[in-house]
Amino acid sequence: MPQPSPPFPEGQPSRFRATVHGTVFAGRDRFVEGLCDGDEVRLVADPPMKDEPGVWVHLESGEPIGHLPPDIAGWLWPWLIHGGVAKARLLRVRGDDVPSWRRLVLEVSCVSGSGA
C-alpha cells in the first residue's frame, strides 16, 4: 500500500518552473545535447548527510544532468526526503548559444496525498 505523502510546505507552489543548474560540469553536457522539449526527467534528493543537500535532475536512465537552484532545493528537498513525489518534464531545451543555467527549463508538479 502506498504511503501518503507528507504535508506540503506551506506557502510554496505545488507546480512551478525552474532552470537546471550545473549542466556543464562533469561531462553532463553530453547528455543535455540529446534532450528535447517535453522529455520527462526525475528529481532525486541528495542523501541527508550533506550540509546543504540539493535536488538533482536525472534522465530516466539514471544519469544526472544538473540540479535545481538552491532556493528551491531548500524547501523541496525536505519534502522529497520524507516521501513527497514530484514529476518533472523539460519545457525548454536550448544549446550552447545561451548561458548554461538557461539551457534547460523544466516544469515540476508536486503530488500531494490529496492527488493535487
Protein backbone atom coordinates (compact mmCIF):
# COMPACT_ATOMS: atom_id res chain seq x y z
CA MET A 1 0.00 0.00 0.00
CA PRO A 2 1.46 3.40 -0.97
CA GLN A 3 2.37 5.74 1.85
CA PRO A 4 0.58 9.11 1.96
CA SER A 5 2.86 12.00 1.09
CA PRO A 6 4.00 14.32 3.85
CA PRO A 7 2.30 17.69 4.31
CA PHE A 8 3.32 20.02 1.51
CA PRO A 9 5.45 23.00 2.57
CA GLU A 10 3.14 25.89 3.38
CA GLY A 11 3.44 28.88 1.09
CA GLN A 12 5.29 27.00 -1.66
CA PRO A 13 3.90 26.29 -5.15
CA SER A 14 2.92 22.72 -5.93
CA ARG A 15 3.56 23.43 -9.62
CA PHE A 16 6.43 25.61 -10.78
CA ARG A 17 9.06 26.17 -13.44
CA ALA A 18 12.78 26.14 -12.74
CA THR A 19 16.09 26.31 -14.52
CA VAL A 20 18.54 23.43 -14.22
CA HIS A 21 21.99 24.42 -12.97
CA GLY A 22 25.33 22.64 -13.26
CA THR A 23 24.72 21.14 -16.70
CA VAL A 24 28.24 21.92 -17.98
CA PHE A 25 30.21 20.17 -15.23
CA ALA A 26 31.47 16.58 -15.01
CA GLY A 27 30.61 15.84 -18.63
CA ARG A 28 26.86 16.27 -18.07
CA ASP A 29 26.63 18.48 -21.16
CA ARG A 30 26.95 15.38 -23.36
CA PHE A 31 23.54 14.25 -22.07
CA VAL A 32 21.96 17.68 -22.48
CA GLU A 33 22.66 17.62 -26.22
CA GLY A 34 20.29 14.65 -26.63
CA LEU A 35 17.33 16.20 -24.76
CA CYS A 36 14.17 17.63 -26.30
CA ASP A 37 11.33 19.84 -25.15
CA GLY A 38 8.76 17.63 -23.40
CA ASP A 39 11.18 14.93 -22.18
CA GLU A 40 10.38 13.52 -18.75
CA VAL A 41 13.14 13.72 -16.11
CA ARG A 42 13.37 12.58 -12.49
CA LEU A 43 14.09 14.62 -9.39
CA VAL A 44 16.39 12.96 -6.87
CA ALA A 45 17.05 14.33 -3.39
CA ASP A 46 20.60 14.20 -2.02
CA PRO A 47 21.16 11.90 0.96
CA PRO A 48 20.50 13.65 4.29
CA MET A 49 24.15 13.60 5.41
CA LYS A 50 25.16 16.65 3.34
CA ASP A 51 25.40 20.11 4.93
CA GLU A 52 23.29 21.71 2.19
CA PRO A 53 21.53 18.87 0.38
CA GLY A 54 20.25 19.52 -3.11
CA VAL A 55 17.73 18.17 -5.57
CA TRP A 56 19.26 16.68 -8.71
CA VAL A 57 17.71 16.31 -12.13
CA HIS A 58 18.30 12.88 -13.68
CA LEU A 59 17.47 11.34 -17.01
CA GLU A 60 15.02 8.43 -16.86
CA SER A 61 18.06 6.19 -17.45
CA GLY A 62 19.63 7.49 -14.23
CA GLU A 63 22.36 9.90 -15.39
CA PRO A 64 22.42 13.23 -13.52
CA ILE A 65 22.20 16.27 -15.80
CA GLY A 66 22.15 19.08 -13.22
CA HIS A 67 20.43 20.34 -10.11
CA LEU A 68 17.64 22.69 -9.09
CA PRO A 69 18.60 26.14 -7.77
CA PRO A 70 19.42 26.18 -4.04
CA ASP A 71 16.45 28.41 -3.14
CA ILE A 72 14.07 25.75 -4.49
CA ALA A 73 16.05 22.80 -3.13
CA GLY A 74 15.95 24.40 0.33
CA TRP A 75 12.21 23.77 0.68
CA LEU A 76 11.70 20.92 -1.81
CA TRP A 77 14.45 18.65 -0.50
CA PRO A 78 12.92 18.06 2.98
CA TRP A 79 9.55 17.27 1.42
CA LEU A 80 11.06 14.81 -1.07
CA ILE A 81 13.26 13.10 1.52
CA HIS A 82 10.20 12.47 3.69
CA GLY A 83 8.28 10.79 0.89
CA GLY A 84 6.97 13.60 -1.31
CA VAL A 85 6.70 12.86 -5.01
CA ALA A 86 7.45 15.36 -7.76
CA LYS A 87 7.20 14.83 -11.51
CA ALA A 88 9.22 16.92 -13.94
CA ARG A 89 9.38 17.47 -17.68
CA LEU A 90 11.51 19.74 -19.80
CA LEU A 91 9.69 22.76 -21.17
CA ARG A 92 12.63 24.28 -22.99
CA VAL A 93 15.94 22.82 -24.15
CA ARG A 94 18.46 25.21 -25.70
CA GLY A 95 22.01 24.85 -26.98
CA ASP A 96 25.31 26.42 -26.09
CA ASP A 97 24.19 29.72 -27.63
CA VAL A 98 22.56 30.59 -24.27
CA PRO A 99 24.12 30.68 -20.78
CA SER A 100 24.38 27.20 -19.26
CA TRP A 101 21.93 27.94 -16.43
CA ARG A 102 19.24 28.85 -19.01
CA ARG A 103 19.63 25.83 -21.30
CA LEU A 104 17.13 23.65 -19.51
CA VAL A 105 13.85 24.88 -18.08
CA LEU A 106 11.55 22.35 -16.52
CA GLU A 107 8.09 22.22 -15.06
CA VAL A 108 7.70 20.46 -11.74
CA SER A 109 4.41 19.10 -10.40
CA CYS A 110 4.38 18.02 -6.78
CA VAL A 111 1.92 15.26 -5.98
CA SER A 112 0.24 15.54 -2.61
CA GLY A 113 -1.69 12.86 -0.74
CA SER A 114 -4.90 14.53 -1.88
CA GLY A 115 -3.95 13.94 -5.53
CA ALA A 116 -3.23 17.60 -6.31
